Amino acid sequence: MIFSDGDYFIGEWSEGYVNGKGDYFSSKDGCSYKGEWKDNVYDGYGEEVMADGSIYKGTYVIGKKEGKGIFSWADGSYYDGEFVQNNF
């Protein structure tokens, strides 16, 4: 699906919602997400690239980083551990 703002999604849909695996790309800032979705939000394992070049690889619960993950900053430093409600 290509949205009116140029963002796009390629993946699985169910009953009008993004459910299953899919890739999302934002045309505004170059951010992207590849992974699992439930009811239009990140849920399960995914990989997210932020506008500043930071990358998160790990689990999400209802759209938030939750559980085991690795967050890498653009300068090469990283955190490898547990996340709770997007925080480590």
Protein backbone atom coordinates (compact mmCIF):
# COMPACT_ATOMS: atom_id res chain seq x y z
CA MET A 1 0.00 0.00 0.00
CA ILE A 2 1.27 3.46 -0.89
CA PHE A 3 -0.09 6.22 1.33
CA SER A 4 -0.92 9.76 0.13
CA ASP A 5 2.17 11.18 1.89
CA GLY A 6 4.48 8.77 0.03
CA ASP A 7 4.99 6.31 2.89
CA TYR A 8 4.48 2.69 1.96
CA PHE A 9 3.81 -0.70 3.50
CA ILE A 10 4.43 -4.13 2.01
CA GLY A 11 3.12 -7.06 3.99
CA GLU A 12 0.24 -9.01 5.43
CA TRP A 13 -3.24 -7.67 6.17
CA SER A 14 -6.15 -9.25 8.02
CA GLU A 15 -9.65 -7.80 8.45
CA GLY A 16 -8.50 -4.28 7.54
CA TYR A 17 -5.47 -4.27 9.85
CA VAL A 18 -1.78 -4.84 9.34
CA ASN A 19 -1.25 -8.27 10.92
CA GLY A 20 1.66 -10.66 10.44
CA LYS A 21 4.94 -9.70 8.80
CA GLY A 22 5.50 -6.47 6.93
CA ASP A 23 7.84 -3.67 5.95
CA TYR A 24 7.05 0.02 6.44
CA PHE A 25 9.05 2.94 5.02
CA SER A 26 8.54 6.63 5.83
CA SER A 27 9.26 8.97 2.91
CA LYS A 28 9.43 12.00 5.24
CA ASP A 29 12.47 11.01 7.29
CA GLY A 30 13.73 7.70 5.87
CA CYS A 31 12.74 5.70 8.95
CA SER A 32 11.78 2.09 8.38
CA TYR A 33 10.51 -0.98 10.19
CA LYS A 34 10.66 -4.61 9.12
CA GLY A 35 9.04 -7.18 11.31
CA GLU A 36 5.91 -8.45 12.97
CA TRP A 37 2.69 -6.46 13.38
CA LYS A 38 -0.58 -6.86 15.27
CA ASP A 39 -3.57 -4.59 14.69
CA ASN A 40 -1.50 -1.89 12.92
CA VAL A 41 1.29 -1.66 15.55
CA TYR A 42 4.72 -3.25 15.93
CA ASP A 43 4.29 -6.44 17.94
CA GLY A 44 6.79 -9.31 18.02
CA TYR A 45 10.31 -9.25 16.58
CA GLY A 46 11.33 -6.33 14.40
CA GLU A 47 14.12 -4.13 13.12
CA GLU A 48 13.66 -0.35 13.15
CA VAL A 49 15.92 2.26 11.54
CA MET A 50 15.54 5.81 12.89
CA ALA A 51 16.15 9.10 11.06
CA ASP A 52 19.46 9.68 12.88
CA GLY A 53 20.83 6.29 11.75
CA SER A 54 20.20 4.49 15.04
CA ILE A 55 18.96 0.91 14.74
CA TYR A 56 16.90 -1.25 17.09
CA LYS A 57 16.65 -5.01 16.65
CA GLY A 58 14.50 -6.84 19.13
CA THR A 59 11.02 -7.44 20.44
CA TYR A 60 8.05 -5.10 20.64
CA VAL A 61 4.83 -5.36 22.62
CA ILE A 62 1.94 -3.17 21.46
CA GLY A 63 4.27 -0.76 19.64
CA LYS A 64 6.91 -0.41 22.37
CA LYS A 65 10.39 -1.88 22.71
CA GLU A 66 9.89 -4.60 25.31
CA GLY A 67 12.09 -7.55 26.22
CA LYS A 68 15.43 -8.50 24.66
CA GLY A 69 16.92 -6.12 22.12
CA ILE A 70 19.97 -4.35 20.76
CA PHE A 71 19.96 -0.59 20.21
CA SER A 72 22.86 0.74 18.11
CA TRP A 73 23.60 4.45 17.81
CA ALA A 74 25.00 5.91 14.60
CA ASP A 75 28.41 6.42 16.27
CA GLY A 76 28.79 2.65 16.73
CA SER A 77 28.03 2.46 20.45
CA TYR A 78 25.25 0.08 21.48
CA TYR A 79 23.14 -1.35 24.27
CA ASP A 80 22.40 -5.09 24.34
CA GLY A 81 19.89 -6.08 26.99
CA GLU A 82 16.36 -5.75 28.30
CA PHE A 83 13.88 -3.01 27.41
CA VAL A 84 10.74 -2.01 29.35
CA GLN A 85 8.23 0.40 27.77
CA ASN A 86 10.87 1.68 25.26
CA ASN A 87 13.47 2.22 28.04
CA PHE A 88 16.58 0.31 29.08
